[in-house]
Amino acid sequence: MTIGALSAAASGLSFQDTKVRVISNNIANMNTASFKRASAIAVDQDYQTYQGVGSPTSAEGTINPTGTQVGMGVKTAGVVRSMEQGDIEITDNPLDVMIQGEGYFNIELPTGEIGYTRDGRFQLNAERQLVTMSGYKAKPDLTLPANTTSLDINKEGQIYAQIQGSPNAVLVGQLELSVFASPGSLDPMGDNLFKENIAAGSPTTGVAGTAGFGTIVQFAVESSNVKPVVELTALIEAQRAYAMNTKTMNAVEQMDQNLQSLMR
């Protein structure tokens, strides 16, 4: 009996530990551009059945209406991300862009694979190509002409460069977006990047502002969607639940000691 109770309480400690780790990561990334907060989801574990519901209780056909089933504790079903859009943070950098609505920027990884991000804090590399903060190239390849004096990126993601000595702006290229059937299932890679997988579905690539795709906002960055008050409340709840499970284990150990003393 005590082993089952200790196991259930230990599973509670394990889940609350996972929950605190997820909350801690949310809080750590509250100032990370485009970060999406996560939540640990719990489900109950299997049940030990001593007497099944509906089992006979007499030869006359009476049955047990409730049964005797004792739970074995809790387990983590998964960690899900909230895809709610973060607030708009206005900047003075013409290479800063954010997606208002659905979509991800396409990024070429060093492996040749394509990664996906909502972090639009782009930079220029030595070849004047548009790259992420980690130096990964935006797709399709976008190179700014030399002597570019100003840059205009419209809501469709078209990039126009004003070149010194030229009266008209030049269309450099266009940012493309990808959308997924289940974006919350994308694999996080770090560096604000995600990879596709079978659960997220295959990406659909298109132009900003068309059906199903968000629009581009220049001189802006999407902030994290972490809400400090929500995270602190969840942290307090997790701490209390952890303490209660610890007290349960202490109580069970004390009961076991008392039982052993009576049996001597």
C-alpha atoms as a PDB file:
ATOM      1  CA  MET A   1       0.000   0.000   0.000  1.00  0.00           C
ATOM      2  CA  THR A   2       2.701   2.479   1.019  1.00  0.00           C
ATOM      3  CA  ILE A   3       4.749   1.699  -2.087  1.00  0.00           C
ATOM      4  CA  GLY A   4       1.831   2.671  -4.318  1.00  0.00           C
ATOM      5  CA  ALA A   5       1.284   5.907  -2.394  1.00  0.00           C
ATOM      6  CA  LEU A   6       4.965   6.803  -2.556  1.00  0.00           C
ATOM      7  CA  SER A   7       5.012   6.093  -6.278  1.00  0.00           C
ATOM      8  CA  ALA A   8       2.001   8.330  -6.885  1.00  0.00           C
ATOM      9  CA  ALA A   9       3.506  11.171  -4.840  1.00  0.00           C
ATOM     10  CA  ALA A  10       6.855  10.760  -6.617  1.00  0.00           C
ATOM     11  CA  SER A  11       5.113  11.045  -9.989  1.00  0.00           C
ATOM     12  CA  GLY A  12       3.569  14.290  -8.746  1.00  0.00           C
ATOM     13  CA  LEU A  13       7.023  15.608  -7.851  1.00  0.00           C
ATOM     14  CA  SER A  14       8.331  14.618 -11.279  1.00  0.00           C
ATOM     15  CA  PHE A  15       5.530  16.431 -13.111  1.00  0.00           C
ATOM     16  CA  GLN A  16       5.867  19.585 -11.012  1.00  0.00           C
ATOM     17  CA  ASP A  17       9.609  19.542 -11.688  1.00  0.00           C
ATOM     18  CA  THR A  18       8.865  19.447 -15.430  1.00  0.00           C
ATOM     19  CA  LYS A  19       6.305  22.218 -15.034  1.00  0.00           C
ATOM     20  CA  VAL A  20       8.766  24.457 -13.170  1.00  0.00           C
ATOM     21  CA  ARG A  21      11.433  23.841 -15.841  1.00  0.00           C
ATOM     22  CA  VAL A  22       8.994  24.902 -18.572  1.00  0.00           C
ATOM     23  CA  ILE A  23       7.912  27.991 -16.610  1.00  0.00           C
ATOM     24  CA  SER A  24      11.557  28.889 -15.929  1.00  0.00           C
ATOM     25  CA  ASN A  25      12.320  28.706 -19.643  1.00  0.00           C
ATOM     26  CA  ASN A  26       9.330  30.955 -20.382  1.00  0.00           C
ATOM     27  CA  ILE A  27      10.493  33.540 -17.869  1.00  0.00           C
ATOM     28  CA  ALA A  28      14.097  33.354 -19.130  1.00  0.00           C
ATOM     29  CA  ASN A  29      12.848  34.103 -22.661  1.00  0.00           C
ATOM     30  CA  MET A  30      10.371  36.839 -21.820  1.00  0.00           C
ATOM     31  CA  ASN A  31      12.549  39.331 -23.733  1.00  0.00           C
ATOM     32  CA  THR A  32      13.396  36.983 -26.621  1.00  0.00           C
ATOM     33  CA  ALA A  33      11.906  38.217 -29.890  1.00  0.00           C
ATOM     34  CA  SER A  34       9.029  36.083 -31.231  1.00  0.00           C
ATOM     35  CA  PHE A  35       9.369  33.520 -28.405  1.00  0.00           C
ATOM     36  CA  LYS A  36       6.254  31.415 -27.794  1.00  0.00           C
ATOM     37  CA  ARG A  37       5.443  30.431 -24.215  1.00  0.00           C
ATOM     38  CA  ALA A  38       4.986  26.755 -23.400  1.00  0.00           C
ATOM     39  CA  SER A  39       2.898  24.817 -20.882  1.00  0.00           C
ATOM     40  CA  ALA A  40       3.374  21.336 -19.429  1.00  0.00           C
ATOM     41  CA  ILE A  41       0.189  19.232 -19.681  1.00  0.00           C
ATOM     42  CA  ALA A  42      -0.577  16.472 -17.177  1.00  0.00           C
ATOM     43  CA  VAL A  43      -2.691  13.328 -17.491  1.00  0.00           C
ATOM     44  CA  ASP A  44      -3.423  10.631 -14.923  1.00  0.00           C
ATOM     45  CA  GLN A  45      -1.490   7.361 -15.068  1.00  0.00           C
ATOM     46  CA  ASP A  46      -2.905   3.841 -15.235  1.00  0.00           C
ATOM     47  CA  TYR A  47      -5.173   2.546 -12.483  1.00  0.00           C
ATOM     48  CA  GLN A  48      -4.740  -0.516 -10.299  1.00  0.00           C
ATOM     49  CA  THR A  49      -8.043  -2.387 -10.239  1.00  0.00           C
ATOM     50  CA  TYR A  50      -8.958  -4.365  -7.119  1.00  0.00           C
ATOM     51  CA  GLN A  51     -12.579  -4.827  -8.165  1.00  0.00           C
ATOM     52  CA  GLY A  52     -13.900  -3.813 -11.555  1.00  0.00           C
ATOM     53  CA  VAL A  53     -16.947  -1.621 -12.115  1.00  0.00           C
ATOM     54  CA  GLY A  54     -19.964  -3.857 -12.755  1.00  0.00           C
ATOM     55  CA  SER A  55     -18.378  -6.959 -11.237  1.00  0.00           C
ATOM     56  CA  PRO A  56     -20.886  -9.380  -9.561  1.00  0.00           C
ATOM     57  CA  THR A  57     -21.348  -9.092  -5.816  1.00  0.00           C
ATOM     58  CA  SER A  58     -23.773 -12.001  -5.302  1.00  0.00           C
ATOM     59  CA  ALA A  59     -25.164 -15.110  -6.963  1.00  0.00           C
ATOM     60  CA  GLU A  60     -28.447 -13.260  -7.381  1.00  0.00           C
ATOM     61  CA  GLY A  61     -26.938 -10.959 -10.039  1.00  0.00           C
ATOM     62  CA  THR A  62     -26.186  -7.815  -8.033  1.00  0.00           C
ATOM     63  CA  ILE A  63     -23.224  -5.828  -9.274  1.00  0.00           C
ATOM     64  CA  ASN A  64     -20.730  -3.345  -7.901  1.00  0.00           C
ATOM     65  CA  PRO A  65     -21.743   0.086  -9.268  1.00  0.00           C
ATOM     66  CA  THR A  66     -18.416   1.798  -8.566  1.00  0.00           C
ATOM     67  CA  GLY A  67     -15.640  -0.756  -8.415  1.00  0.00           C
ATOM     68  CA  THR A  68     -12.341  -0.233  -6.615  1.00  0.00           C
ATOM     69  CA  GLN A  69      -9.716   1.392  -8.796  1.00  0.00           C
ATOM     70  CA  VAL A  70      -6.781   3.309  -7.360  1.00  0.00           C
ATOM     71  CA  GLY A  71      -4.751   5.700  -9.501  1.00  0.00           C
ATOM     72  CA  MET A  72      -1.002   5.295  -9.900  1.00  0.00           C
ATOM     73  CA  GLY A  73      -0.240   8.998 -10.108  1.00  0.00           C
ATOM     74  CA  VAL A  74       0.340  11.558 -12.858  1.00  0.00           C
ATOM     75  CA  LYS A  75       2.526  11.832 -15.949  1.00  0.00           C
ATOM     76  CA  THR A  76       3.464  14.522 -18.442  1.00  0.00           C
ATOM     77  CA  ALA A  77       1.369  14.208 -21.598  1.00  0.00           C
ATOM     78  CA  GLY A  78       3.370  16.835 -23.438  1.00  0.00           C
ATOM     79  CA  VAL A  79       4.628  20.406 -23.543  1.00  0.00           C
ATOM     80  CA  VAL A  80       2.517  22.607 -25.803  1.00  0.00           C
ATOM     81  CA  ARG A  81       3.271  26.085 -27.112  1.00  0.00           C
ATOM     82  CA  SER A  82       0.898  29.016 -27.279  1.00  0.00           C
ATOM     83  CA  MET A  83       1.034  30.431 -30.802  1.00  0.00           C
ATOM     84  CA  GLU A  84      -0.600  33.702 -29.779  1.00  0.00           C
ATOM     85  CA  GLN A  85       1.150  36.594 -31.478  1.00  0.00           C
ATOM     86  CA  GLY A  86       3.399  38.794 -29.368  1.00  0.00           C
ATOM     87  CA  ASP A  87       3.149  42.570 -29.179  1.00  0.00           C
ATOM     88  CA  ILE A  88       4.645  44.885 -31.801  1.00  0.00           C
ATOM     89  CA  GLU A  89       7.965  46.416 -30.769  1.00  0.00           C
ATOM     90  CA  ILE A  90       8.874  49.433 -32.896  1.00  0.00           C
ATOM     91  CA  THR A  91      12.575  49.846 -33.789  1.00  0.00           C
ATOM     92  CA  ASP A  92      14.686  52.221 -35.915  1.00  0.00           C
ATOM     93  CA  ASN A  93      16.324  49.462 -37.957  1.00  0.00           C
ATOM     94  CA  PRO A  94      15.076  49.222 -41.586  1.00  0.00           C
ATOM     95  CA  LEU A  95      16.081  45.534 -41.638  1.00  0.00           C
ATOM     96  CA  ASP A  96      13.752  44.723 -38.731  1.00  0.00           C
ATOM     97  CA  VAL A  97      10.497  43.190 -39.960  1.00  0.00           C
ATOM     98  CA  MET A  98       7.690  41.316 -38.271  1.00  0.00           C
ATOM     99  CA  ILE A  99       4.854  39.130 -39.500  1.00  0.00           C
ATOM    100  CA  GLN A 100       1.419  40.465 -38.617  1.00  0.00           C
ATOM    101  CA  GLY A 101      -0.638  37.295 -38.721  1.00  0.00           C
ATOM    102  CA  GLU A 102       0.216  33.784 -39.919  1.00  0.00           C
ATOM    103  CA  GLY A 103       3.538  32.653 -41.317  1.00  0.00           C
ATOM    104  CA  TYR A 104       7.256  32.032 -40.824  1.00  0.00           C
ATOM    105  CA  PHE A 105      10.319  33.361 -42.596  1.00  0.00           C
ATOM    106  CA  ASN A 106      12.276  30.708 -44.517  1.00  0.00           C
ATOM    107  CA  ILE A 107      15.906  30.353 -43.436  1.00  0.00           C
ATOM    108  CA  GLU A 108      18.687  28.266 -45.014  1.00  0.00           C
ATOM    109  CA  LEU A 109      20.526  26.304 -42.328  1.00  0.00           C
ATOM    110  CA  PRO A 110      24.234  25.343 -42.561  1.00  0.00           C
ATOM    111  CA  THR A 111      23.105  21.754 -43.302  1.00  0.00           C
ATOM    112  CA  GLY A 112      21.210  22.938 -46.379  1.00  0.00           C
ATOM    113  CA  GLU A 113      17.865  22.277 -44.696  1.00  0.00           C
ATOM    114  CA  ILE A 114      15.243  24.980 -44.321  1.00  0.00           C
ATOM    115  CA  GLY A 115      14.422  26.355 -40.887  1.00  0.00           C
ATOM    116  CA  TYR A 116      11.496  28.581 -39.996  1.00  0.00           C
ATOM    117  CA  THR A 117      11.351  31.618 -37.741  1.00  0.00           C
ATOM    118  CA  ARG A 118       9.166  34.563 -36.805  1.00  0.00           C
ATOM    119  CA  ASP A 119      12.211  36.520 -35.649  1.00  0.00           C
ATOM    120  CA  GLY A 120      12.677  39.219 -38.301  1.00  0.00           C
ATOM    121  CA  ARG A 121      15.744  40.935 -36.851  1.00  0.00           C
ATOM    122  CA  PHE A 122      17.747  40.601 -40.062  1.00  0.00           C
ATOM    123  CA  GLN A 123      21.310  41.749 -40.703  1.00  0.00           C
ATOM    124  CA  LEU A 124      23.664  41.992 -43.691  1.00  0.00           C
ATOM    125  CA  ASN A 125      26.677  39.712 -44.066  1.00  0.00           C
ATOM    126  CA  ALA A 126      29.951  40.530 -45.877  1.00  0.00           C
ATOM    127  CA  GLU A 127      28.281  39.763 -49.231  1.00  0.00           C
ATOM    128  CA  ARG A 128      25.413  42.140 -48.341  1.00  0.00           C
ATOM    129  CA  GLN A 129      23.013  39.194 -48.125  1.00  0.00           C
ATOM    130  CA  LEU A 130      20.049  39.241 -45.751  1.00  0.00           C
ATOM    131  CA  VAL A 131      20.840  36.926 -42.814  1.00  0.00           C
ATOM    132  CA  THR A 132      19.590  36.111 -39.309  1.00  0.00           C
ATOM    133  CA  MET A 133      21.407  37.075 -36.112  1.00  0.00           C
ATOM    134  CA  SER A 134      23.216  33.714 -36.404  1.00  0.00           C
ATOM    135  CA  GLY A 135      24.331  34.443 -39.979  1.00  0.00           C
ATOM    136  CA  TYR A 136      21.882  32.057 -41.684  1.00  0.00           C
ATOM    137  CA  LYS A 137      20.615  33.295 -45.049  1.00  0.00           C
ATOM    138  CA  ALA A 138      16.989  34.262 -45.622  1.00  0.00           C
ATOM    139  CA  LYS A 139      15.312  32.407 -48.476  1.00  0.00           C
ATOM    140  CA  PRO A 140      15.026  33.221 -51.272  1.00  0.00           C
ATOM    141  CA  ASP A 141      18.522  34.723 -51.404  1.00  0.00           C
ATOM    142  CA  LEU A 142      18.362  38.518 -51.059  1.00  0.00           C
ATOM    143  CA  THR A 143      21.395  40.719 -51.756  1.00  0.00           C
ATOM    144  CA  LEU A 144      21.341  44.488 -51.385  1.00  0.00           C
ATOM    145  CA  PRO A 145      23.159  46.552 -54.043  1.00  0.00           C
ATOM    146  CA  ALA A 146      26.254  48.514 -53.094  1.00  0.00           C
ATOM    147  CA  ASN A 147      25.712  52.181 -52.227  1.00  0.00           C
ATOM    148  CA  THR A 148      22.181  51.504 -50.952  1.00  0.00           C
ATOM    149  CA  THR A 149      21.118  54.602 -49.025  1.00  0.00           C
ATOM    150  CA  SER A 150      17.712  53.516 -47.796  1.00  0.00           C
ATOM    151  CA  LEU A 151      15.420  50.503 -47.768  1.00  0.00           C
ATOM    152  CA  ASP A 152      11.668  50.120 -48.041  1.00  0.00           C
ATOM    153  CA  ILE A 153       9.885  46.819 -47.328  1.00  0.00           C
ATOM    154  CA  ASN A 154       6.151  46.855 -48.065  1.00  0.00           C
ATOM    155  CA  LYS A 155       3.428  44.721 -46.497  1.00  0.00           C
ATOM    156  CA  GLU A 156       3.778  42.098 -49.252  1.00  0.00           C
ATOM    157  CA  GLY A 157       7.459  41.652 -48.357  1.00  0.00           C
ATOM    158  CA  GLN A 158       8.826  43.349 -51.486  1.00  0.00           C
ATOM    159  CA  ILE A 159      12.204  44.968 -50.785  1.00  0.00           C
ATOM    160  CA  TYR A 160      13.050  48.228 -52.579  1.00  0.00           C
ATOM    161  CA  ALA A 161      16.530  49.745 -52.322  1.00  0.00           C
ATOM    162  CA  GLN A 162      17.280  53.404 -52.966  1.00  0.00           C
ATOM    163  CA  ILE A 163      20.746  53.537 -54.544  1.00  0.00           C
ATOM    164  CA  GLN A 164      22.985  56.576 -54.302  1.00  0.00           C
ATOM    165  CA  GLY A 165      22.773  58.626 -57.511  1.00  0.00           C
ATOM    166  CA  SER A 166      19.697  56.801 -58.822  1.00  0.00           C
ATOM    167  CA  PRO A 167      16.318  58.616 -58.914  1.00  0.00           C
ATOM    168  CA  ASN A 168      14.209  55.472 -58.582  1.00  0.00           C
ATOM    169  CA  ALA A 169      14.183  52.694 -56.008  1.00  0.00           C
ATOM    170  CA  VAL A 170      15.175  49.224 -57.256  1.00  0.00           C
ATOM    171  CA  LEU A 171      13.189  46.063 -56.445  1.00  0.00           C
ATOM    172  CA  VAL A 172      15.757  43.777 -54.819  1.00  0.00           C
ATOM    173  CA  GLY A 173      13.546  40.795 -54.118  1.00  0.00           C
ATOM    174  CA  GLN A 174      10.687  39.539 -52.002  1.00  0.00           C
ATOM    175  CA  LEU A 175      10.492  37.819 -48.657  1.00  0.00           C
ATOM    176  CA  GLU A 176       8.505  34.585 -48.733  1.00  0.00           C
ATOM    177  CA  LEU A 177       6.505  33.083 -45.901  1.00  0.00           C
ATOM    178  CA  SER A 178       5.574  29.525 -45.012  1.00  0.00           C
ATOM    179  CA  VAL A 179       2.526  28.386 -43.073  1.00  0.00           C
ATOM    180  CA  PHE A 180       1.760  25.042 -41.434  1.00  0.00           C
ATOM    181  CA  ALA A 181      -1.436  23.166 -40.629  1.00  0.00           C
ATOM    182  CA  SER A 182      -0.282  22.762 -37.005  1.00  0.00           C
ATOM    183  CA  PRO A 183       2.480  25.301 -36.270  1.00  0.00           C
ATOM    184  CA  GLY A 184       2.452  24.444 -32.574  1.00  0.00           C
ATOM    185  CA  SER A 185       3.930  21.053 -33.473  1.00  0.00           C
ATOM    186  CA  LEU A 186       7.065  22.458 -35.123  1.00  0.00           C
ATOM    187  CA  ASP A 187      10.357  21.259 -33.597  1.00  0.00           C
ATOM    188  CA  PRO A 188      12.218  24.041 -31.750  1.00  0.00           C
ATOM    189  CA  MET A 189      15.923  24.138 -32.627  1.00  0.00           C
ATOM    190  CA  GLY A 190      17.154  27.100 -30.614  1.00  0.00           C
ATOM    191  CA  ASP A 191      18.263  30.389 -32.211  1.00  0.00           C
ATOM    192  CA  ASN A 192      14.521  31.196 -32.579  1.00  0.00           C
ATOM    193  CA  LEU A 193      14.292  28.547 -35.322  1.00  0.00           C
ATOM    194  CA  PHE A 194      11.944  25.632 -35.931  1.00  0.00           C
ATOM    195  CA  LYS A 195      12.041  22.545 -38.130  1.00  0.00           C
ATOM    196  CA  GLU A 196       9.094  20.939 -39.864  1.00  0.00           C
ATOM    197  CA  ASN A 197       7.912  17.475 -38.898  1.00  0.00           C
ATOM    198  CA  ILE A 198       5.078  15.098 -39.701  1.00  0.00           C
ATOM    199  CA  ALA A 199       2.896  16.449 -36.891  1.00  0.00           C
ATOM    200  CA  ALA A 200       3.145  20.064 -38.116  1.00  0.00           C
ATOM    201  CA  GLY A 201       2.477  19.107 -41.719  1.00  0.00           C
ATOM    202  CA  SER A 202       4.319  20.155 -44.858  1.00  0.00           C
ATOM    203  CA  PRO A 203       4.906  23.898 -45.323  1.00  0.00           C
ATOM    204  CA  THR A 204       2.880  25.945 -47.773  1.00  0.00           C
ATOM    205  CA  THR A 205       5.021  28.764 -49.150  1.00  0.00           C
ATOM    206  CA  GLY A 206       3.553  31.986 -50.456  1.00  0.00           C
ATOM    207  CA  VAL A 207       3.539  35.760 -50.476  1.00  0.00           C
ATOM    208  CA  ALA A 208       2.652  37.950 -47.527  1.00  0.00           C
ATOM    209  CA  GLY A 209      -0.750  39.577 -47.749  1.00  0.00           C
ATOM    210  CA  THR A 210      -2.350  36.773 -49.767  1.00  0.00           C
ATOM    211  CA  ALA A 211      -5.004  34.416 -48.400  1.00  0.00           C
ATOM    212  CA  GLY A 212      -3.734  32.476 -45.389  1.00  0.00           C
ATOM    213  CA  PHE A 213      -0.582  34.575 -44.952  1.00  0.00           C
ATOM    214  CA  GLY A 214       0.115  37.518 -42.673  1.00  0.00           C
ATOM    215  CA  THR A 215       1.508  40.868 -43.753  1.00  0.00           C
ATOM    216  CA  ILE A 216       4.967  42.350 -43.254  1.00  0.00           C
ATOM    217  CA  VAL A 217       5.588  45.327 -40.976  1.00  0.00           C
ATOM    218  CA  GLN A 218       8.937  47.143 -41.385  1.00  0.00           C
ATOM    219  CA  PHE A 219      10.760  48.832 -38.472  1.00  0.00           C
ATOM    220  CA  ALA A 220       9.119  46.373 -36.063  1.00  0.00           C
ATOM    221  CA  VAL A 221       9.853  43.143 -34.217  1.00  0.00           C
ATOM    222  CA  GLU A 222       7.420  40.679 -32.668  1.00  0.00           C
ATOM    223  CA  SER A 223       8.047  40.450 -28.942  1.00  0.00           C
ATOM    224  CA  SER A 224       7.674  37.344 -26.783  1.00  0.00           C
ATOM    225  CA  ASN A 225       4.121  36.351 -25.860  1.00  0.00           C
ATOM    226  CA  VAL A 226       5.181  35.502 -22.291  1.00  0.00           C
ATOM    227  CA  LYS A 227       3.022  37.248 -19.671  1.00  0.00           C
ATOM    228  CA  PRO A 228       5.018  37.644 -16.431  1.00  0.00           C
ATOM    229  CA  VAL A 229       1.957  37.660 -14.149  1.00  0.00           C
ATOM    230  CA  VAL A 230       0.669  34.414 -15.678  1.00  0.00           C
ATOM    231  CA  GLU A 231       4.067  32.727 -15.315  1.00  0.00           C
ATOM    232  CA  LEU A 232       4.548  33.838 -11.709  1.00  0.00           C
ATOM    233  CA  THR A 233       1.072  32.578 -10.798  1.00  0.00           C
ATOM    234  CA  ALA A 234       1.803  29.222 -12.436  1.00  0.00           C
ATOM    235  CA  LEU A 235       5.161  29.071 -10.638  1.00  0.00           C
ATOM    236  CA  ILE A 236       3.504  29.609  -7.240  1.00  0.00           C
ATOM    237  CA  GLU A 237       0.947  26.876  -8.006  1.00  0.00           C
ATOM    238  CA  ALA A 238       3.719  24.473  -9.015  1.00  0.00           C
ATOM    239  CA  GLN A 239       5.699  25.231  -5.834  1.00  0.00           C
ATOM    240  CA  ARG A 240       2.643  24.558  -3.669  1.00  0.00           C
ATOM    241  CA  ALA A 241       1.848  21.324  -5.497  1.00  0.00           C
ATOM    242  CA  TYR A 242       5.471  20.210  -5.126  1.00  0.00           C
ATOM    243  CA  ALA A 243       5.365  20.931  -1.386  1.00  0.00           C
ATOM    244  CA  MET A 244       2.096  18.999  -0.989  1.00  0.00           C
ATOM    245  CA  ASN A 245       3.534  15.957  -2.771  1.00  0.00           C
ATOM    246  CA  THR A 246       6.603  16.137  -0.531  1.00  0.00           C
ATOM    247  CA  LYS A 247       4.353  16.212   2.548  1.00  0.00           C
ATOM    248  CA  THR A 248       2.445  13.224   1.184  1.00  0.00           C
ATOM    249  CA  MET A 249       5.671  11.242   0.887  1.00  0.00           C
ATOM    250  CA  ASN A 250       6.690  12.210   4.421  1.00  0.00           C
ATOM    251  CA  ALA A 251       3.283  11.199   5.748  1.00  0.00           C
ATOM    252  CA  VAL A 252       3.401   7.838   3.973  1.00  0.00           C
ATOM    253  CA  GLU A 253       6.884   7.136   5.340  1.00  0.00           C
ATOM    254  CA  GLN A 254       5.688   7.987   8.849  1.00  0.00           C
ATOM    255  CA  MET A 255       2.664   5.697   8.463  1.00  0.00           C
ATOM    256  CA  ASP A 256       4.946   2.887   7.283  1.00  0.00           C
ATOM    257  CA  GLN A 257       7.218   3.355  10.307  1.00  0.00           C
ATOM    258  CA  ASN A 258       4.219   3.277  12.648  1.00  0.00           C
ATOM    259  CA  LEU A 259       2.940   0.100  11.002  1.00  0.00           C
ATOM    260  CA  GLN A 260       6.310  -1.598  11.345  1.00  0.00           C
ATOM    261  CA  SER A 261       6.453  -0.638  15.053  1.00  0.00           C
ATOM    262  CA  LEU A 262       3.018  -2.225  15.648  1.00  0.00           C
ATOM    263  CA  MET A 263       4.090  -5.440  13.939  1.00  0.00           C
ATOM    264  CA  ARG A 264       7.185  -5.969  16.094  1.00  0.00           C
END
